[in-house]
Amino acid sequence: MAKILTAKGLTLATAESCTGGLIAHTLTNIPGVSAFFTGSVIAYANTVKSAMLGVPHRVIGKYGAVSGPVAKAMAKGARQRFKTDYALATTGIAGPTGGTPQKPVGLVFIALASAKTTIVKKCFFTGSRASIKTQACQMALKLLAAEIS
């Protein structure tokens, strides 16, 4: 993935809620990452999602922070603010508490925004908080790899 982004001269930013910066951390462990990775926003609070990424308050109010529309708005906002070719976003419930019957622990929405489209993937992960975060990070990077290859 890093080689493809670099070879094509493409750029990437991230907007993370439930993964808490894990995607950015994983990316910055790659030597030469500065060729394509511009930055990240950890938007854990709804106020940060709105202020830093431009997620409309009405979207959060209507769908909740853990939703496809919010993930989509986060990715689009990150792409616009960082002026990148792509942006990944995550929002979900890593647990062990905070889940509901409608939105259980392990529910994560991952979005990938580009100039052409924004893809949103609804995922259900199991395990510990750390495991859910890791699985979400891995899935986000797989989504990006599939899109650029």
N, C-alpha and C. Protein backbone atom coordinates (compact mmCIF):
# COMPACT_ATOMS: atom_id res chain seq x y z
N MET A 1 0.81 -1.19 0.00
CA MET A 1 0.00 0.00 0.00
C MET A 1 0.86 1.26 0.00
N ALA A 2 1.86 1.32 0.88
CA ALA A 2 2.73 2.49 0.95
C ALA A 2 3.46 2.70 -0.37
N LYS A 3 3.92 1.63 -0.97
CA LYS A 3 4.64 1.73 -2.25
C LYS A 3 3.73 2.24 -3.34
N ILE A 4 2.48 1.78 -3.35
CA ILE A 4 1.53 2.21 -4.38
C ILE A 4 1.21 3.70 -4.22
N LEU A 5 0.90 4.12 -2.99
CA LEU A 5 0.61 5.53 -2.75
C LEU A 5 1.78 6.41 -3.17
N THR A 6 2.98 6.01 -2.78
CA THR A 6 4.18 6.79 -3.10
C THR A 6 4.42 6.81 -4.60
N ALA A 7 4.34 5.65 -5.24
CA ALA A 7 4.59 5.57 -6.68
C ALA A 7 3.59 6.39 -7.49
N LYS A 8 2.36 6.42 -7.04
CA LYS A 8 1.33 7.17 -7.76
C LYS A 8 1.26 8.64 -7.33
N GLY A 9 2.05 9.00 -6.33
CA GLY A 9 2.05 10.38 -5.85
C GLY A 9 0.76 10.76 -5.15
N LEU A 10 0.13 9.80 -4.49
CA LEU A 10 -1.13 10.03 -3.80
C LEU A 10 -0.90 10.35 -2.33
N THR A 11 -1.83 11.09 -1.74
CA THR A 11 -1.70 11.48 -0.34
C THR A 11 -2.87 10.96 0.48
N LEU A 12 -2.64 10.85 1.79
CA LEU A 12 -3.61 10.26 2.71
C LEU A 12 -3.63 11.02 4.03
N ALA A 13 -4.82 11.16 4.59
CA ALA A 13 -5.00 11.68 5.94
C ALA A 13 -5.98 10.75 6.66
N THR A 14 -6.03 10.84 7.98
CA THR A 14 -6.97 10.03 8.74
C THR A 14 -7.75 10.88 9.73
N ALA A 15 -8.95 10.39 10.03
CA ALA A 15 -9.80 11.00 11.06
C ALA A 15 -10.30 9.83 11.91
N GLU A 16 -9.85 9.77 13.14
CA GLU A 16 -10.12 8.59 13.96
C GLU A 16 -10.88 8.95 15.23
N SER A 17 -11.87 8.12 15.52
CA SER A 17 -12.57 8.23 16.79
C SER A 17 -12.24 6.98 17.61
N CYS A 18 -12.92 5.89 17.37
CA CYS A 18 -12.73 4.70 18.21
C CYS A 18 -11.34 4.09 18.11
N THR A 19 -10.63 4.31 17.03
CA THR A 19 -9.27 3.76 16.90
C THR A 19 -8.24 4.66 17.58
N GLY A 20 -8.62 5.83 17.98
CA GLY A 20 -7.78 6.69 18.81
C GLY A 20 -6.38 6.98 18.29
N GLY A 21 -6.21 7.01 17.00
CA GLY A 21 -4.89 7.31 16.43
C GLY A 21 -4.11 6.07 16.04
N LEU A 22 -4.69 4.90 16.19
CA LEU A 22 -3.97 3.66 15.87
C LEU A 22 -3.63 3.55 14.40
N ILE A 23 -4.51 4.03 13.52
CA ILE A 23 -4.21 3.99 12.08
C ILE A 23 -3.00 4.89 11.80
N ALA A 24 -3.03 6.10 12.34
CA ALA A 24 -1.90 7.02 12.14
C ALA A 24 -0.63 6.43 12.73
N HIS A 25 -0.73 5.82 13.89
CA HIS A 25 0.43 5.19 14.52
C HIS A 25 0.99 4.08 13.62
N THR A 26 0.11 3.25 13.11
CA THR A 26 0.53 2.16 12.24
C THR A 26 1.21 2.70 10.98
N LEU A 27 0.63 3.73 10.40
CA LEU A 27 1.21 4.31 9.19
C LEU A 27 2.58 4.93 9.46
N THR A 28 2.70 5.62 10.59
CA THR A 28 3.97 6.31 10.87
C THR A 28 5.08 5.36 11.29
N ASN A 29 4.77 4.08 11.42
CA ASN A 29 5.82 3.07 11.63
C ASN A 29 6.45 2.63 10.32
N ILE A 30 5.90 3.08 9.20
CA ILE A 30 6.42 2.74 7.87
C ILE A 30 7.50 3.74 7.50
N PRO A 31 8.74 3.28 7.22
CA PRO A 31 9.78 4.20 6.77
C PRO A 31 9.35 4.90 5.47
N GLY A 32 9.56 6.19 5.39
CA GLY A 32 9.21 6.94 4.19
C GLY A 32 7.76 7.36 4.11
N VAL A 33 7.02 7.20 5.22
CA VAL A 33 5.59 7.51 5.23
C VAL A 33 5.30 8.97 4.88
N SER A 34 6.24 9.84 5.12
CA SER A 34 6.01 11.27 4.85
C SER A 34 5.80 11.54 3.36
N ALA A 35 6.11 10.58 2.51
CA ALA A 35 5.88 10.74 1.08
C ALA A 35 4.39 10.78 0.74
N PHE A 36 3.55 10.19 1.62
CA PHE A 36 2.12 10.16 1.31
C PHE A 36 1.20 10.53 2.47
N PHE A 37 1.64 10.39 3.71
CA PHE A 37 0.76 10.64 4.86
C PHE A 37 0.95 12.06 5.36
N THR A 38 -0.16 12.83 5.39
CA THR A 38 -0.05 14.23 5.77
C THR A 38 -0.40 14.50 7.22
N GLY A 39 -1.33 13.73 7.79
CA GLY A 39 -1.70 13.97 9.18
C GLY A 39 -3.00 13.31 9.56
N SER A 40 -3.39 13.55 10.81
CA SER A 40 -4.55 12.90 11.37
C SER A 40 -5.22 13.79 12.41
N VAL A 41 -6.52 13.56 12.59
CA VAL A 41 -7.28 14.18 13.66
C VAL A 41 -7.89 13.04 14.48
N ILE A 42 -7.65 13.07 15.78
CA ILE A 42 -8.35 12.14 16.66
C ILE A 42 -9.57 12.89 17.16
N ALA A 43 -10.70 12.56 16.57
CA ALA A 43 -11.96 13.26 16.85
C ALA A 43 -12.83 12.37 17.71
N TYR A 44 -12.48 12.27 18.98
CA TYR A 44 -13.21 11.40 19.89
C TYR A 44 -14.54 12.03 20.31
N ALA A 45 -14.51 13.29 20.63
CA ALA A 45 -15.72 14.00 21.06
C ALA A 45 -16.50 14.53 19.85
N ASN A 46 -17.80 14.56 19.98
CA ASN A 46 -18.64 15.08 18.89
C ASN A 46 -18.30 16.52 18.55
N THR A 47 -17.94 17.31 19.54
CA THR A 47 -17.59 18.70 19.28
C THR A 47 -16.36 18.80 18.39
N VAL A 48 -15.43 17.87 18.54
CA VAL A 48 -14.23 17.86 17.69
C VAL A 48 -14.59 17.38 16.28
N LYS A 49 -15.46 16.39 16.20
CA LYS A 49 -15.92 15.93 14.88
C LYS A 49 -16.50 17.10 14.09
N SER A 50 -17.26 17.94 14.76
CA SER A 50 -17.87 19.09 14.09
C SER A 50 -16.86 20.21 13.83
N ALA A 51 -16.13 20.59 14.87
CA ALA A 51 -15.23 21.74 14.75
C ALA A 51 -14.03 21.47 13.83
N MET A 52 -13.43 20.32 13.95
CA MET A 52 -12.21 20.03 13.20
C MET A 52 -12.46 19.39 11.83
N LEU A 53 -13.56 18.65 11.72
CA LEU A 53 -13.81 17.90 10.47
C LEU A 53 -15.05 18.39 9.73
N GLY A 54 -15.80 19.29 10.33
CA GLY A 54 -16.97 19.82 9.66
C GLY A 54 -18.17 18.90 9.64
N VAL A 55 -18.21 17.92 10.53
CA VAL A 55 -19.37 17.03 10.58
C VAL A 55 -20.55 17.86 11.09
N PRO A 56 -21.62 17.95 10.31
CA PRO A 56 -22.76 18.77 10.75
C PRO A 56 -23.39 18.23 12.04
N HIS A 57 -23.71 19.14 12.95
CA HIS A 57 -24.35 18.75 14.22
C HIS A 57 -25.64 17.97 13.95
N ARG A 58 -26.37 18.36 12.90
CA ARG A 58 -27.64 17.70 12.59
C ARG A 58 -27.43 16.24 12.19
N VAL A 59 -26.30 15.94 11.55
CA VAL A 59 -26.01 14.55 11.16
C VAL A 59 -25.73 13.71 12.41
N ILE A 60 -24.94 14.26 13.33
CA ILE A 60 -24.67 13.56 14.59
C ILE A 60 -25.97 13.39 15.37
N GLY A 61 -26.78 14.44 15.42
CA GLY A 61 -28.05 14.38 16.14
C GLY A 61 -29.02 13.36 15.56
N LYS A 62 -29.06 13.27 14.25
CA LYS A 62 -30.02 12.36 13.59
C LYS A 62 -29.57 10.90 13.64
N TYR A 63 -28.28 10.64 13.41
CA TYR A 63 -27.80 9.26 13.26
C TYR A 63 -26.98 8.76 14.45
N GLY A 64 -26.46 9.68 15.25
CA GLY A 64 -25.56 9.32 16.33
C GLY A 64 -24.13 9.32 15.85
N ALA A 65 -23.20 9.48 16.78
CA ALA A 65 -21.78 9.55 16.42
C ALA A 65 -21.29 8.27 15.77
N VAL A 66 -21.84 7.14 16.19
CA VAL A 66 -21.46 5.84 15.62
C VAL A 66 -22.46 5.51 14.53
N SER A 67 -22.15 5.94 13.31
CA SER A 67 -23.05 5.74 12.19
C SER A 67 -22.30 5.91 10.87
N GLY A 68 -22.87 5.36 9.83
CA GLY A 68 -22.30 5.51 8.50
C GLY A 68 -22.24 6.96 8.05
N PRO A 69 -23.32 7.72 8.21
CA PRO A 69 -23.26 9.12 7.78
C PRO A 69 -22.18 9.94 8.50
N VAL A 70 -21.95 9.67 9.78
CA VAL A 70 -20.91 10.40 10.50
C VAL A 70 -19.52 9.97 10.01
N ALA A 71 -19.31 8.67 9.81
CA ALA A 71 -18.02 8.20 9.28
C ALA A 71 -17.75 8.84 7.92
N LYS A 72 -18.77 8.88 7.08
CA LYS A 72 -18.64 9.48 5.75
C LYS A 72 -18.26 10.96 5.85
N ALA A 73 -18.95 11.69 6.71
CA ALA A 73 -18.67 13.11 6.88
C ALA A 73 -17.27 13.34 7.46
N MET A 74 -16.85 12.46 8.37
CA MET A 74 -15.50 12.57 8.92
C MET A 74 -14.44 12.39 7.84
N ALA A 75 -14.61 11.37 7.00
CA ALA A 75 -13.63 11.11 5.94
C ALA A 75 -13.60 12.26 4.93
N LYS A 76 -14.77 12.73 4.54
CA LYS A 76 -14.82 13.83 3.59
C LYS A 76 -14.21 15.10 4.19
N GLY A 77 -14.51 15.34 5.46
CA GLY A 77 -13.95 16.51 6.13
C GLY A 77 -12.44 16.45 6.24
N ALA A 78 -11.91 15.28 6.58
CA ALA A 78 -10.45 15.13 6.68
C ALA A 78 -9.80 15.33 5.32
N ARG A 79 -10.40 14.77 4.29
CA ARG A 79 -9.83 14.90 2.94
C ARG A 79 -9.80 16.38 2.52
N GLN A 80 -10.86 17.09 2.81
CA GLN A 80 -10.93 18.51 2.44
C GLN A 80 -9.94 19.34 3.25
N ARG A 81 -9.90 19.11 4.54
CA ARG A 81 -9.05 19.93 5.41
C ARG A 81 -7.56 19.67 5.21
N PHE A 82 -7.21 18.42 4.96
CA PHE A 82 -5.81 18.08 4.74
C PHE A 82 -5.41 18.20 3.27
N LYS A 83 -6.41 18.41 2.40
CA LYS A 83 -6.18 18.53 0.95
C LYS A 83 -5.43 17.31 0.40
N THR A 84 -5.97 16.12 0.71
CA THR A 84 -5.35 14.87 0.30
C THR A 84 -6.20 14.17 -0.77
N ASP A 85 -5.58 13.20 -1.40
CA ASP A 85 -6.30 12.38 -2.38
C ASP A 85 -7.27 11.44 -1.69
N TYR A 86 -6.86 10.91 -0.54
CA TYR A 86 -7.68 9.97 0.22
C TYR A 86 -7.71 10.35 1.70
N ALA A 87 -8.79 9.93 2.36
CA ALA A 87 -8.86 10.05 3.81
C ALA A 87 -9.65 8.86 4.36
N LEU A 88 -9.13 8.29 5.43
CA LEU A 88 -9.79 7.20 6.15
C LEU A 88 -10.39 7.75 7.43
N ALA A 89 -11.56 7.24 7.81
CA ALA A 89 -12.18 7.64 9.07
C ALA A 89 -12.78 6.43 9.77
N THR A 90 -12.75 6.47 11.10
CA THR A 90 -13.37 5.41 11.90
C THR A 90 -14.21 6.02 13.01
N THR A 91 -15.32 5.37 13.29
CA THR A 91 -16.14 5.71 14.44
C THR A 91 -16.85 4.43 14.88
N GLY A 92 -16.85 4.17 16.17
CA GLY A 92 -17.45 2.93 16.63
C GLY A 92 -17.44 2.81 18.14
N ILE A 93 -17.75 1.60 18.58
CA ILE A 93 -17.82 1.31 20.02
C ILE A 93 -16.84 0.19 20.32
N ALA A 94 -15.71 0.55 20.92
CA ALA A 94 -14.65 -0.42 21.20
C ALA A 94 -14.87 -1.17 22.51
N GLY A 95 -15.77 -0.67 23.36
CA GLY A 95 -16.09 -1.36 24.60
C GLY A 95 -15.07 -1.14 25.70
N PRO A 96 -15.17 -1.84 26.76
CA PRO A 96 -16.10 -2.95 26.98
C PRO A 96 -17.53 -2.49 27.31
N THR A 97 -17.71 -1.19 27.56
CA THR A 97 -19.05 -0.68 27.83
C THR A 97 -19.43 0.27 26.70
N GLY A 98 -20.65 0.78 26.77
CA GLY A 98 -21.09 1.79 25.81
C GLY A 98 -21.98 1.24 24.71
N GLY A 99 -22.08 -0.07 24.61
CA GLY A 99 -22.93 -0.66 23.58
C GLY A 99 -24.39 -0.66 23.97
N THR A 100 -25.24 -0.76 22.97
CA THR A 100 -26.68 -0.89 23.16
C THR A 100 -27.15 -2.03 22.24
N PRO A 101 -28.39 -2.49 22.40
CA PRO A 101 -28.87 -3.51 21.47
C PRO A 101 -28.82 -3.06 20.00
N GLN A 102 -29.05 -1.78 19.76
CA GLN A 102 -29.02 -1.24 18.40
C GLN A 102 -27.59 -1.01 17.91
N LYS A 103 -26.70 -0.65 18.83
CA LYS A 103 -25.31 -0.37 18.50
C LYS A 103 -24.43 -1.09 19.52
N PRO A 104 -24.15 -2.37 19.27
CA PRO A 104 -23.40 -3.16 20.24
C PRO A 104 -21.91 -2.86 20.24
N VAL A 105 -21.25 -3.24 21.32
CA VAL A 105 -19.79 -3.17 21.37
C VAL A 105 -19.25 -3.95 20.17
N GLY A 106 -18.29 -3.37 19.49
CA GLY A 106 -17.69 -4.00 18.32
C GLY A 106 -18.20 -3.44 17.01
N LEU A 107 -19.25 -2.61 17.06
CA LEU A 107 -19.76 -1.97 15.85
C LEU A 107 -18.82 -0.83 15.47
N VAL A 108 -18.32 -0.87 14.25
CA VAL A 108 -17.42 0.17 13.76
C VAL A 108 -17.79 0.51 12.32
N PHE A 109 -17.84 1.79 12.03
CA PHE A 109 -18.03 2.27 10.66
C PHE A 109 -16.70 2.83 10.19
N ILE A 110 -16.28 2.38 9.01
CA ILE A 110 -15.02 2.83 8.41
C ILE A 110 -15.36 3.48 7.09
N ALA A 111 -14.83 4.66 6.86
CA ALA A 111 -15.09 5.37 5.61
C ALA A 111 -13.78 5.71 4.92
N LEU A 112 -13.82 5.66 3.60
CA LEU A 112 -12.68 6.05 2.76
C LEU A 112 -13.19 7.05 1.73
N ALA A 113 -12.68 8.27 1.79
CA ALA A 113 -13.08 9.32 0.87
C ALA A 113 -12.01 9.55 -0.17
N SER A 114 -12.45 9.75 -1.41
CA SER A 114 -11.57 10.15 -2.50
C SER A 114 -12.31 11.21 -3.31
N ALA A 115 -11.67 11.70 -4.35
CA ALA A 115 -12.33 12.71 -5.18
C ALA A 115 -13.54 12.12 -5.90
N LYS A 116 -13.50 10.82 -6.18
CA LYS A 116 -14.58 10.17 -6.92
C LYS A 116 -15.77 9.76 -6.06
N THR A 117 -15.48 9.23 -4.88
CA THR A 117 -16.54 8.64 -4.07
C THR A 117 -16.13 8.54 -2.61
N THR A 118 -17.09 8.21 -1.77
CA THR A 118 -16.80 7.89 -0.38
C THR A 118 -17.46 6.55 -0.08
N ILE A 119 -16.63 5.60 0.32
CA ILE A 119 -17.08 4.25 0.64
C ILE A 119 -17.26 4.17 2.15
N VAL A 120 -18.35 3.57 2.60
CA VAL A 120 -18.57 3.35 4.03
C VAL A 120 -18.80 1.87 4.26
N LYS A 121 -18.05 1.31 5.20
CA LYS A 121 -18.15 -0.11 5.53
C LYS A 121 -18.60 -0.25 6.98
N LYS A 122 -19.67 -1.01 7.18
CA LYS A 122 -20.16 -1.30 8.53
C LYS A 122 -19.56 -2.63 8.96
N CYS A 123 -18.89 -2.63 10.11
CA CYS A 123 -18.19 -3.83 10.58
C CYS A 123 -18.63 -4.19 11.99
N PHE A 124 -18.54 -5.47 12.29
CA PHE A 124 -18.76 -5.96 13.65
C PHE A 124 -17.53 -6.76 14.06
N PHE A 125 -16.85 -6.30 15.09
CA PHE A 125 -15.65 -6.97 15.58
C PHE A 125 -15.91 -7.51 16.98
N THR A 126 -15.15 -8.51 17.36
CA THR A 126 -15.30 -9.08 18.70
C THR A 126 -13.95 -9.08 19.41
N GLY A 127 -14.01 -9.25 20.72
CA GLY A 127 -12.80 -9.32 21.52
C GLY A 127 -12.69 -8.15 22.47
N SER A 128 -11.49 -7.96 22.96
CA SER A 128 -11.21 -6.88 23.91
C SER A 128 -11.23 -5.53 23.19
N ARG A 129 -11.19 -4.48 23.97
CA ARG A 129 -11.11 -3.12 23.42
C ARG A 129 -9.92 -2.99 22.47
N ALA A 130 -8.76 -3.46 22.92
CA ALA A 130 -7.56 -3.38 22.08
C ALA A 130 -7.73 -4.19 20.79
N SER A 131 -8.34 -5.34 20.91
CA SER A 131 -8.55 -6.19 19.74
C SER A 131 -9.50 -5.54 18.74
N ILE A 132 -10.56 -4.93 19.23
CA ILE A 132 -11.51 -4.25 18.34
C ILE A 132 -10.83 -3.09 17.63
N LYS A 133 -10.03 -2.33 18.35
CA LYS A 133 -9.29 -1.23 17.74
C LYS A 133 -8.33 -1.74 16.67
N THR A 134 -7.63 -2.82 16.97
CA THR A 134 -6.67 -3.38 16.01
C THR A 134 -7.38 -3.90 14.77
N GLN A 135 -8.49 -4.60 14.96
CA GLN A 135 -9.25 -5.12 13.82
C GLN A 135 -9.78 -3.98 12.95
N ALA A 136 -10.25 -2.91 13.58
CA ALA A 136 -10.76 -1.76 12.83
C ALA A 136 -9.64 -1.10 12.03
N CYS A 137 -8.49 -0.96 12.64
CA CYS A 137 -7.32 -0.39 11.96
C CYS A 137 -6.95 -1.25 10.75
N GLN A 138 -6.85 -2.54 10.95
CA GLN A 138 -6.50 -3.44 9.86
C GLN A 138 -7.51 -3.40 8.73
N MET A 139 -8.80 -3.36 9.07
CA MET A 139 -9.84 -3.30 8.05
C MET A 139 -9.78 -1.98 7.28
N ALA A 140 -9.52 -0.89 7.97
CA ALA A 140 -9.41 0.40 7.29
C ALA A 140 -8.27 0.38 6.28
N LEU A 141 -7.14 -0.16 6.68
CA LEU A 141 -5.99 -0.21 5.77
C LEU A 141 -6.24 -1.17 4.62
N LYS A 142 -6.97 -2.25 4.86
CA LYS A 142 -7.35 -3.17 3.77
C LYS A 142 -8.29 -2.49 2.78
N LEU A 143 -9.22 -1.69 3.30
CA LEU A 143 -10.14 -0.95 2.43
C LEU A 143 -9.36 0.00 1.53
N LEU A 144 -8.40 0.70 2.10
CA LEU A 144 -7.55 1.60 1.32
C LEU A 144 -6.75 0.83 0.28
N ALA A 145 -6.12 -0.26 0.69
CA ALA A 145 -5.30 -1.05 -0.24
C ALA A 145 -6.13 -1.57 -1.41
N ALA A 146 -7.34 -2.01 -1.14
CA ALA A 146 -8.21 -2.53 -2.21
C ALA A 146 -8.60 -1.42 -3.18
N GLU A 147 -8.81 -0.23 -2.66
CA GLU A 147 -9.24 0.89 -3.49
C GLU A 147 -8.12 1.39 -4.39
N ILE A 148 -6.89 1.41 -3.90
CA ILE A 148 -5.81 2.00 -4.70
C ILE A 148 -5.13 1.01 -5.63
N SER A 149 -5.36 -0.31 -5.42
CA SER A 149 -4.67 -1.28 -6.29
C SER A 149 -5.49 -1.67 -7.50
